[in-house]
């Protein structure tokens, strides 16, 4: 049995759109430029922005966050598989 691919849920398409207008470098990035930098289709980036798609494999989520210059957790929430659905992962307790 193979290990399931960790998934991430986009916080919001509006946030991705806003960050694309002013990335970590201060420069805008187009849908095509981001797709090319990440190695996904422009349709994937467009679907994330419009809310048609919310879940994405963690490796691709990491590449998107890196390409726009923000921390992964700014844009994406970790998810766990629960049956046929992905649900937000339970918060982890932080010990001091």
PDB file of N, CA and C in Angstrom:
ATOM      1  N   UNK A   1       0.847  -1.186   0.000  1.00  0.00           N
ATOM      2  CA  UNK A   1       0.000   0.000   0.000  1.00  0.00           C
ATOM      3  C   UNK A   1       0.889   1.246   0.000  1.00  0.00           C
ATOM      4  N   UNK A   2       0.601   2.164  -0.902  1.00  0.00           N
ATOM      5  CA  UNK A   2       1.424   3.359  -0.997  1.00  0.00           C
ATOM      6  C   UNK A   2       0.980   4.414   0.008  1.00  0.00           C
ATOM      7  N   UNK A   3       1.912   5.288   0.355  1.00  0.00           N
ATOM      8  CA  UNK A   3       1.627   6.381   1.274  1.00  0.00           C
ATOM      9  C   UNK A   3       0.859   7.464   0.526  1.00  0.00           C
ATOM     10  N   UNK A   4      -0.251   7.962   1.098  1.00  0.00           N
ATOM     11  CA  UNK A   4      -1.004   9.015   0.408  1.00  0.00           C
ATOM     12  C   UNK A   4      -0.177  10.295   0.300  1.00  0.00           C
ATOM     13  N   UNK A   5      -0.378  11.019  -0.777  1.00  0.00           N
ATOM     14  CA  UNK A   5       0.311  12.290  -0.990  1.00  0.00           C
ATOM     15  C   UNK A   5      -0.256  13.332  -0.036  1.00  0.00           C
ATOM     16  N   UNK A   6       0.614  13.987   0.750  1.00  0.00           N
ATOM     17  CA  UNK A   6       0.110  15.059   1.615  1.00  0.00           C
ATOM     18  C   UNK A   6      -0.493  16.167   0.756  1.00  0.00           C
ATOM     19  N   UNK A   7      -1.630  16.669   1.197  1.00  0.00           N
ATOM     20  CA  UNK A   7      -2.334  17.705   0.450  1.00  0.00           C
ATOM     21  C   UNK A   7      -2.382  18.995   1.266  1.00  0.00           C
ATOM     22  N   UNK A   8      -2.556  20.085   0.556  1.00  0.00           N
ATOM     23  CA  UNK A   8      -2.735  21.400   1.165  1.00  0.00           C
ATOM     24  C   UNK A   8      -3.969  22.054   0.559  1.00  0.00           C
ATOM     25  N   UNK A   9      -4.665  22.843   1.375  1.00  0.00           N
ATOM     26  CA  UNK A   9      -5.835  23.605   0.915  1.00  0.00           C
ATOM     27  C   UNK A   9      -5.439  25.081   0.859  1.00  0.00           C
ATOM     28  N   UNK A  10      -5.743  25.711  -0.264  1.00  0.00           N
ATOM     29  CA  UNK A  10      -5.469  27.135  -0.426  1.00  0.00           C
ATOM     30  C   UNK A  10      -6.324  27.934   0.554  1.00  0.00           C
ATOM     31  N   UNK A  11      -5.726  28.895   1.236  1.00  0.00           N
ATOM     32  CA  UNK A  11      -6.470  29.740   2.174  1.00  0.00           C
ATOM     33  C   UNK A  11      -7.585  30.466   1.429  1.00  0.00           C
ATOM     34  N   UNK A  12      -7.248  31.150   0.336  1.00  0.00           N
ATOM     35  CA  UNK A  12      -8.272  31.789  -0.500  1.00  0.00           C
ATOM     36  C   UNK A  12      -7.670  32.175  -1.839  1.00  0.00           C
ATOM     37  N   UNK A  13      -8.512  32.130  -2.848  1.00  0.00           N
ATOM     38  CA  UNK A  13      -8.084  32.554  -4.175  1.00  0.00           C
ATOM     39  C   UNK A  13      -7.768  34.038  -4.214  1.00  0.00           C
ATOM     40  N   UNK A  14      -8.507  34.811  -3.426  1.00  0.00           N
ATOM     41  CA  UNK A  14      -8.264  36.250  -3.377  1.00  0.00           C
ATOM     42  C   UNK A  14      -6.879  36.550  -2.818  1.00  0.00           C
ATOM     43  N   UNK A  15      -6.465  35.790  -1.807  1.00  0.00           N
ATOM     44  CA  UNK A  15      -5.141  35.996  -1.226  1.00  0.00           C
ATOM     45  C   UNK A  15      -4.058  35.658  -2.245  1.00  0.00           C
ATOM     46  N   UNK A  16      -4.216  34.546  -2.957  1.00  0.00           N
ATOM     47  CA  UNK A  16      -3.243  34.193  -3.988  1.00  0.00           C
ATOM     48  C   UNK A  16      -3.172  35.286  -5.042  1.00  0.00           C
ATOM     49  N   UNK A  17      -4.312  35.779  -5.481  1.00  0.00           N
ATOM     50  CA  UNK A  17      -4.346  36.844  -6.482  1.00  0.00           C
ATOM     51  C   UNK A  17      -3.634  38.089  -5.979  1.00  0.00           C
ATOM     52  N   UNK A  18      -3.893  38.464  -4.734  1.00  0.00           N
ATOM     53  CA  UNK A  18      -3.256  39.639  -4.136  1.00  0.00           C
ATOM     54  C   UNK A  18      -1.739  39.463  -4.058  1.00  0.00           C
ATOM     55  N   UNK A  19      -1.298  38.300  -3.612  1.00  0.00           N
ATOM     56  CA  UNK A  19       0.139  38.052  -3.489  1.00  0.00           C
ATOM     57  C   UNK A  19       0.805  38.015  -4.859  1.00  0.00           C
ATOM     58  N   UNK A  20       0.092  37.521  -5.866  1.00  0.00           N
ATOM     59  CA  UNK A  20       0.653  37.514  -7.222  1.00  0.00           C
ATOM     60  C   UNK A  20       0.847  38.931  -7.753  1.00  0.00           C
ATOM     61  N   UNK A  21       0.032  39.872  -7.295  1.00  0.00           N
ATOM     62  CA  UNK A  21       0.172  41.262  -7.729  1.00  0.00           C
ATOM     63  C   UNK A  21       1.395  41.924  -7.108  1.00  0.00           C
ATOM     64  N   UNK A  22       1.767  41.436  -5.924  1.00  0.00           N
ATOM     65  CA  UNK A  22       2.962  41.970  -5.255  1.00  0.00           C
ATOM     66  C   UNK A  22       3.618  40.828  -4.495  1.00  0.00           C
ATOM     67  N   UNK A  23       4.534  40.166  -5.153  1.00  0.00           N
ATOM     68  CA  UNK A  23       5.211  39.009  -4.580  1.00  0.00           C
ATOM     69  C   UNK A  23       6.201  39.440  -3.511  1.00  0.00           C
ATOM     70  N   UNK A  24       6.895  38.490  -2.934  1.00  0.00           N
ATOM     71  CA  UNK A  24       7.904  38.775  -1.913  1.00  0.00           C
ATOM     72  C   UNK A  24       9.001  39.694  -2.411  1.00  0.00           C
ATOM     73  N   UNK A  25       9.225  39.730  -3.724  1.00  0.00           N
ATOM     74  CA  UNK A  25      10.228  40.629  -4.299  1.00  0.00           C
ATOM     75  C   UNK A  25       9.640  41.993  -4.623  1.00  0.00           C
ATOM     76  N   UNK A  26       8.314  42.121  -4.523  1.00  0.00           N
ATOM     77  CA  UNK A  26       7.649  43.369  -4.859  1.00  0.00           C
ATOM     78  C   UNK A  26       7.196  43.434  -6.300  1.00  0.00           C
ATOM     79  N   UNK A  27       7.557  42.429  -7.090  1.00  0.00           N
ATOM     80  CA  UNK A  27       7.192  42.402  -8.510  1.00  0.00           C
ATOM     81  C   UNK A  27       5.950  41.544  -8.721  1.00  0.00           C
ATOM     82  N   UNK A  28       5.097  41.917  -9.680  1.00  0.00           N
ATOM     83  CA  UNK A  28       3.940  41.083  -9.984  1.00  0.00           C
ATOM     84  C   UNK A  28       4.355  39.851 -10.781  1.00  0.00           C
ATOM     85  N   UNK A  29       3.508  38.828 -10.742  1.00  0.00           N
ATOM     86  CA  UNK A  29       3.720  37.623 -11.534  1.00  0.00           C
ATOM     87  C   UNK A  29       2.386  37.257 -12.174  1.00  0.00           C
ATOM     88  N   UNK A  30       2.424  36.882 -13.443  1.00  0.00           N
ATOM     89  CA  UNK A  30       1.204  36.503 -14.150  1.00  0.00           C
ATOM     90  C   UNK A  30       0.887  35.032 -13.872  1.00  0.00           C
ATOM     91  N   UNK A  31      -0.322  34.628 -14.250  1.00  0.00           N
ATOM     92  CA  UNK A  31      -0.717  33.230 -14.103  1.00  0.00           C
ATOM     93  C   UNK A  31       0.261  32.340 -14.865  1.00  0.00           C
ATOM     94  N   UNK A  32       0.571  32.704 -16.098  1.00  0.00           N
ATOM     95  CA  UNK A  32       1.483  31.902 -16.930  1.00  0.00           C
ATOM     96  C   UNK A  32       2.886  31.846 -16.321  1.00  0.00           C
ATOM     97  N   UNK A  33       3.395  32.973 -15.851  1.00  0.00           N
ATOM     98  CA  UNK A  33       4.728  32.992 -15.251  1.00  0.00           C
ATOM     99  C   UNK A  33       4.789  32.102 -14.009  1.00  0.00           C
ATOM    100  N   UNK A  34       3.747  32.185 -13.176  1.00  0.00           N
ATOM    101  CA  UNK A  34       3.719  31.361 -11.970  1.00  0.00           C
ATOM    102  C   UNK A  34       3.608  29.887 -12.332  1.00  0.00           C
ATOM    103  N   UNK A  35       2.747  29.574 -13.271  1.00  0.00           N
ATOM    104  CA  UNK A  35       2.588  28.179 -13.706  1.00  0.00           C
ATOM    105  C   UNK A  35       3.904  27.622 -14.234  1.00  0.00           C
ATOM    106  N   UNK A  36       4.603  28.390 -15.063  1.00  0.00           N
ATOM    107  CA  UNK A  36       5.882  27.945 -15.611  1.00  0.00           C
ATOM    108  C   UNK A  36       6.927  27.762 -14.516  1.00  0.00           C
ATOM    109  N   UNK A  37       6.952  28.672 -13.548  1.00  0.00           N
ATOM    110  CA  UNK A  37       7.933  28.591 -12.461  1.00  0.00           C
ATOM    111  C   UNK A  37       7.682  27.383 -11.567  1.00  0.00           C
ATOM    112  N   UNK A  38       6.413  27.023 -11.406  1.00  0.00           N
ATOM    113  CA  UNK A  38       6.034  25.939 -10.502  1.00  0.00           C
ATOM    114  C   UNK A  38       6.024  24.580 -11.198  1.00  0.00           C
ATOM    115  N   UNK A  39       5.779  24.596 -12.518  1.00  0.00           N
ATOM    116  CA  UNK A  39       5.701  23.343 -13.250  1.00  0.00           C
ATOM    117  C   UNK A  39       4.295  22.747 -13.254  1.00  0.00           C
ATOM    118  N   UNK A  40       3.293  23.625 -13.224  1.00  0.00           N
ATOM    119  CA  UNK A  40       1.893  23.200 -13.329  1.00  0.00           C
ATOM    120  C   UNK A  40       1.270  23.945 -14.500  1.00  0.00           C
ATOM    121  N   UNK A  41       0.057  23.582 -14.853  1.00  0.00           N
ATOM    122  CA  UNK A  41      -0.616  24.267 -15.954  1.00  0.00           C
ATOM    123  C   UNK A  41      -1.147  25.624 -15.496  1.00  0.00           C
ATOM    124  N   UNK A  42      -1.314  26.512 -16.462  1.00  0.00           N
ATOM    125  CA  UNK A  42      -1.927  27.808 -16.152  1.00  0.00           C
ATOM    126  C   UNK A  42      -3.352  27.596 -15.660  1.00  0.00           C
ATOM    127  N   UNK A  43      -4.002  26.538 -16.143  1.00  0.00           N
ATOM    128  CA  UNK A  43      -5.350  26.210 -15.692  1.00  0.00           C
ATOM    129  C   UNK A  43      -5.406  25.889 -14.211  1.00  0.00           C
ATOM    130  N   UNK A  44      -4.352  25.244 -13.691  1.00  0.00           N
ATOM    131  CA  UNK A  44      -4.293  24.935 -12.253  1.00  0.00           C
ATOM    132  C   UNK A  44      -4.230  26.215 -11.437  1.00  0.00           C
ATOM    133  N   UNK A  45      -3.360  27.144 -11.843  1.00  0.00           N
ATOM    134  CA  UNK A  45      -3.240  28.419 -11.115  1.00  0.00           C
ATOM    135  C   UNK A  45      -4.549  29.189 -11.216  1.00  0.00           C
ATOM    136  N   UNK A  46      -5.144  29.221 -12.390  1.00  0.00           N
ATOM    137  CA  UNK A  46      -6.415  29.914 -12.577  1.00  0.00           C
ATOM    138  C   UNK A  46      -7.509  29.299 -11.712  1.00  0.00           C
ATOM    139  N   UNK A  47      -7.560  27.960 -11.656  1.00  0.00           N
ATOM    140  CA  UNK A  47      -8.578  27.277 -10.841  1.00  0.00           C
ATOM    141  C   UNK A  47      -8.382  27.558  -9.359  1.00  0.00           C
ATOM    142  N   UNK A  48      -7.144  27.662  -8.907  1.00  0.00           N
ATOM    143  CA  UNK A  48      -6.883  28.016  -7.512  1.00  0.00           C
ATOM    144  C   UNK A  48      -7.368  29.439  -7.235  1.00  0.00           C
ATOM    145  N   UNK A  49      -7.086  30.343  -8.137  1.00  0.00           N
ATOM    146  CA  UNK A  49      -7.484  31.748  -7.945  1.00  0.00           C
ATOM    147  C   UNK A  49      -8.993  31.921  -7.920  1.00  0.00           C
ATOM    148  N   UNK A  50      -9.723  31.162  -8.733  1.00  0.00           N
ATOM    149  CA  UNK A  50     -11.175  31.327  -8.815  1.00  0.00           C
ATOM    150  C   UNK A  50     -11.933  30.481  -7.801  1.00  0.00           C
ATOM    151  N   UNK A  51     -11.239  29.558  -7.135  1.00  0.00           N
ATOM    152  CA  UNK A  51     -11.899  28.709  -6.159  1.00  0.00           C
ATOM    153  C   UNK A  51     -12.437  27.418  -6.740  1.00  0.00           C
ATOM    154  N   UNK A  52     -12.253  27.206  -8.042  1.00  0.00           N
ATOM    155  CA  UNK A  52     -12.688  25.958  -8.670  1.00  0.00           C
ATOM    156  C   UNK A  52     -11.901  24.784  -8.102  1.00  0.00           C
ATOM    157  N   UNK A  53     -10.657  25.027  -7.746  1.00  0.00           N
ATOM    158  CA  UNK A  53      -9.790  24.026  -7.116  1.00  0.00           C
ATOM    159  C   UNK A  53      -9.251  24.619  -5.830  1.00  0.00           C
ATOM    160  N   UNK A  54      -9.284  23.844  -4.765  1.00  0.00           N
ATOM    161  CA  UNK A  54      -8.756  24.322  -3.490  1.00  0.00           C
ATOM    162  C   UNK A  54      -7.615  23.453  -2.992  1.00  0.00           C
ATOM    163  N   UNK A  55      -7.650  22.166  -3.332  1.00  0.00           N
ATOM    164  CA  UNK A  55      -6.623  21.237  -2.855  1.00  0.00           C
ATOM    165  C   UNK A  55      -5.532  21.055  -3.888  1.00  0.00           C
ATOM    166  N   UNK A  56      -4.306  20.922  -3.382  1.00  0.00           N
ATOM    167  CA  UNK A  56      -3.156  20.714  -4.254  1.00  0.00           C
ATOM    168  C   UNK A  56      -2.122  19.900  -3.474  1.00  0.00           C
ATOM    169  N   UNK A  57      -1.386  19.028  -4.144  1.00  0.00           N
ATOM    170  CA  UNK A  57      -0.346  18.278  -3.441  1.00  0.00           C
ATOM    171  C   UNK A  57       0.658  19.224  -2.774  1.00  0.00           C
ATOM    172  N   UNK A  58       1.155  18.800  -1.623  1.00  0.00           N
ATOM    173  CA  UNK A  58       2.032  19.665  -0.833  1.00  0.00           C
ATOM    174  C   UNK A  58       3.273  20.109  -1.600  1.00  0.00           C
ATOM    175  N   UNK A  59       3.850  19.238  -2.406  1.00  0.00           N
ATOM    176  CA  UNK A  59       5.058  19.637  -3.137  1.00  0.00           C
ATOM    177  C   UNK A  59       4.772  20.795  -4.093  1.00  0.00           C
ATOM    178  N   UNK A  60       3.618  20.784  -4.728  1.00  0.00           N
ATOM    179  CA  UNK A  60       3.252  21.881  -5.628  1.00  0.00           C
ATOM    180  C   UNK A  60       2.910  23.137  -4.838  1.00  0.00           C
ATOM    181  N   UNK A  61       2.265  22.967  -3.689  1.00  0.00           N
ATOM    182  CA  UNK A  61       1.955  24.109  -2.829  1.00  0.00           C
ATOM    183  C   UNK A  61       3.247  24.783  -2.372  1.00  0.00           C
ATOM    184  N   UNK A  62       4.241  23.981  -2.028  1.00  0.00           N
ATOM    185  CA  UNK A  62       5.544  24.536  -1.617  1.00  0.00           C
ATOM    186  C   UNK A  62       6.183  25.337  -2.750  1.00  0.00           C
ATOM    187  N   UNK A  63       6.092  24.808  -3.967  1.00  0.00           N
ATOM    188  CA  UNK A  63       6.692  25.507  -5.112  1.00  0.00           C
ATOM    189  C   UNK A  63       5.950  26.810  -5.408  1.00  0.00           C
ATOM    190  N   UNK A  64       4.625  26.816  -5.261  1.00  0.00           N
ATOM    191  CA  UNK A  64       3.856  28.048  -5.468  1.00  0.00           C
ATOM    192  C   UNK A  64       4.266  29.098  -4.445  1.00  0.00           C
ATOM    193  N   UNK A  65       4.294  28.701  -3.177  1.00  0.00           N
ATOM    194  CA  UNK A  65       4.662  29.645  -2.116  1.00  0.00           C
ATOM    195  C   UNK A  65       6.074  30.192  -2.337  1.00  0.00           C
ATOM    196  N   UNK A  66       7.006  29.329  -2.706  1.00  0.00           N
ATOM    197  CA  UNK A  66       8.381  29.772  -2.944  1.00  0.00           C
ATOM    198  C   UNK A  66       8.449  30.726  -4.133  1.00  0.00           C
ATOM    199  N   UNK A  67       7.689  30.437  -5.175  1.00  0.00           N
ATOM    200  CA  UNK A  67       7.720  31.268  -6.384  1.00  0.00           C
ATOM    201  C   UNK A  67       7.190  32.675  -6.133  1.00  0.00           C
ATOM    202  N   UNK A  68       6.240  32.809  -5.214  1.00  0.00           N
ATOM    203  CA  UNK A  68       5.701  34.150  -4.920  1.00  0.00           C
ATOM    204  C   UNK A  68       6.360  34.768  -3.693  1.00  0.00           C
ATOM    205  N   UNK A  69       7.279  34.040  -3.069  1.00  0.00           N
ATOM    206  CA  UNK A  69       8.090  34.603  -1.989  1.00  0.00           C
ATOM    207  C   UNK A  69       7.405  34.711  -0.643  1.00  0.00           C
ATOM    208  N   UNK A  70       6.506  33.757  -0.334  1.00  0.00           N
ATOM    209  CA  UNK A  70       5.873  33.754   0.987  1.00  0.00           C
ATOM    210  C   UNK A  70       6.039  32.379   1.631  1.00  0.00           C
ATOM    211  N   UNK A  71       5.828  32.321   2.928  1.00  0.00           N
ATOM    212  CA  UNK A  71       5.884  31.061   3.651  1.00  0.00           C
ATOM    213  C   UNK A  71       4.716  30.177   3.223  1.00  0.00           C
ATOM    214  N   UNK A  72       4.944  28.878   3.172  1.00  0.00           N
ATOM    215  CA  UNK A  72       3.923  27.918   2.771  1.00  0.00           C
ATOM    216  C   UNK A  72       2.627  28.111   3.556  1.00  0.00           C
ATOM    217  N   UNK A  73       2.730  28.315   4.868  1.00  0.00           N
ATOM    218  CA  UNK A  73       1.546  28.409   5.714  1.00  0.00           C
ATOM    219  C   UNK A  73       0.771  29.712   5.538  1.00  0.00           C
ATOM    220  N   UNK A  74       1.321  30.673   4.830  1.00  0.00           N
ATOM    221  CA  UNK A  74       0.582  31.900   4.524  1.00  0.00           C
ATOM    222  C   UNK A  74      -0.519  31.598   3.518  1.00  0.00           C
ATOM    223  N   UNK A  75      -0.213  30.741   2.548  1.00  0.00           N
ATOM    224  CA  UNK A  75      -1.153  30.446   1.463  1.00  0.00           C
ATOM    225  C   UNK A  75      -1.921  29.147   1.616  1.00  0.00           C
ATOM    226  N   UNK A  76      -1.333  28.160   2.289  1.00  0.00           N
ATOM    227  CA  UNK A  76      -1.917  26.823   2.285  1.00  0.00           C
ATOM    228  C   UNK A  76      -2.054  26.235   3.684  1.00  0.00           C
ATOM    229  N   UNK A  77      -3.183  25.559   3.926  1.00  0.00           N
ATOM    230  CA  UNK A  77      -3.475  24.886   5.187  1.00  0.00           C
ATOM    231  C   UNK A  77      -3.222  23.394   4.985  1.00  0.00           C
ATOM    232  N   UNK A  78      -2.513  22.738   5.910  1.00  0.00           N
ATOM    233  CA  UNK A  78      -2.309  21.295   5.759  1.00  0.00           C
ATOM    234  C   UNK A  78      -3.629  20.539   5.905  1.00  0.00           C
ATOM    235  N   UNK A  79      -3.777  19.459   5.155  1.00  0.00           N
ATOM    236  CA  UNK A  79      -4.980  18.632   5.197  1.00  0.00           C
ATOM    237  C   UNK A  79      -4.594  17.184   5.450  1.00  0.00           C
ATOM    238  N   UNK A  80      -5.525  16.449   6.031  1.00  0.00           N
ATOM    239  CA  UNK A  80      -5.362  15.018   6.243  1.00  0.00           C
ATOM    240  C   UNK A  80      -6.492  14.313   5.525  1.00  0.00           C
ATOM    241  N   UNK A  81      -6.257  13.103   5.107  1.00  0.00           N
ATOM    242  CA  UNK A  81      -7.295  12.351   4.411  1.00  0.00           C
ATOM    243  C   UNK A  81      -8.232  11.719   5.428  1.00  0.00           C
ATOM    244  N   UNK A  82      -9.519  11.906   5.231  1.00  0.00           N
ATOM    245  CA  UNK A  82     -10.535  11.298   6.084  1.00  0.00           C
ATOM    246  C   UNK A  82     -11.560  10.652   5.166  1.00  0.00           C
ATOM    247  N   UNK A  83     -11.387   9.373   4.915  1.00  0.00           N
ATOM    248  CA  UNK A  83     -12.277   8.707   3.971  1.00  0.00           C
ATOM    249  C   UNK A  83     -12.027   9.233   2.576  1.00  0.00           C
ATOM    250  N   UNK A  84     -13.069   9.726   1.923  1.00  0.00           N
ATOM    251  CA  UNK A  84     -12.936  10.263   0.576  1.00  0.00           C
ATOM    252  C   UNK A  84     -12.704  11.766   0.572  1.00  0.00           C
ATOM    253  N   UNK A  85     -12.657  12.393   1.734  1.00  0.00           N
ATOM    254  CA  UNK A  85     -12.551  13.845   1.806  1.00  0.00           C
ATOM    255  C   UNK A  85     -11.266  14.249   2.506  1.00  0.00           C
ATOM    256  N   UNK A  86     -10.755  15.428   2.153  1.00  0.00           N
ATOM    257  CA  UNK A  86      -9.611  15.992   2.855  1.00  0.00           C
ATOM    258  C   UNK A  86     -10.136  17.020   3.843  1.00  0.00           C
ATOM    259  N   UNK A  87      -9.638  16.970   5.050  1.00  0.00           N
ATOM    260  CA  UNK A  87     -10.070  17.886   6.092  1.00  0.00           C
ATOM    261  C   UNK A  87      -8.850  18.611   6.623  1.00  0.00           C
ATOM    262  N   UNK A  88      -9.020  19.832   7.131  1.00  0.00           N
ATOM    263  CA  UNK A  88      -7.869  20.530   7.715  1.00  0.00           C
ATOM    264  C   UNK A  88      -7.254  19.684   8.823  1.00  0.00           C
ATOM    265  N   UNK A  89      -5.934  19.674   8.855  1.00  0.00           N
ATOM    266  CA  UNK A  89      -5.230  18.907   9.884  1.00  0.00           C
ATOM    267  C   UNK A  89      -5.467  19.531  11.245  1.00  0.00           C
ATOM    268  N   UNK A  90      -5.517  18.700  12.263  1.00  0.00           N
ATOM    269  CA  UNK A  90      -5.697  19.199  13.628  1.00  0.00           C
ATOM    270  C   UNK A  90      -4.464  20.002  14.034  1.00  0.00           C
ATOM    271  N   UNK A  91      -4.665  21.110  14.740  1.00  0.00           N
ATOM    272  CA  UNK A  91      -3.514  21.894  15.184  1.00  0.00           C
ATOM    273  C   UNK A  91      -2.635  21.048  16.119  1.00  0.00           C
ATOM    274  N   UNK A  92      -1.360  21.218  15.969  1.00  0.00           N
ATOM    275  CA  UNK A  92      -0.405  20.493  16.801  1.00  0.00           C
ATOM    276  C   UNK A  92      -0.069  21.326  18.032  1.00  0.00           C
ATOM    277  N   UNK A  93      -0.074  20.687  19.190  1.00  0.00           N
ATOM    278  CA  UNK A  93       0.297  21.387  20.423  1.00  0.00           C
ATOM    279  C   UNK A  93       1.784  21.692  20.400  1.00  0.00           C
ATOM    280  N   UNK A  94       2.125  22.887  20.819  1.00  0.00           N
ATOM    281  CA  UNK A  94       3.534  23.294  20.867  1.00  0.00           C
ATOM    282  C   UNK A  94       3.966  23.281  22.320  1.00  0.00           C
ATOM    283  N   UNK A  95       4.986  22.513  22.600  1.00  0.00           N
ATOM    284  CA  UNK A  95       5.478  22.470  23.990  1.00  0.00           C
ATOM    285  C   UNK A  95       6.642  23.424  24.141  1.00  0.00           C
ATOM    286  N   UNK A  96       6.696  24.044  25.300  1.00  0.00           N
ATOM    287  CA  UNK A  96       7.728  25.053  25.545  1.00  0.00           C
ATOM    288  C   UNK A  96       9.002  24.417  26.031  1.00  0.00           C
TER     289      UNK A  96
END
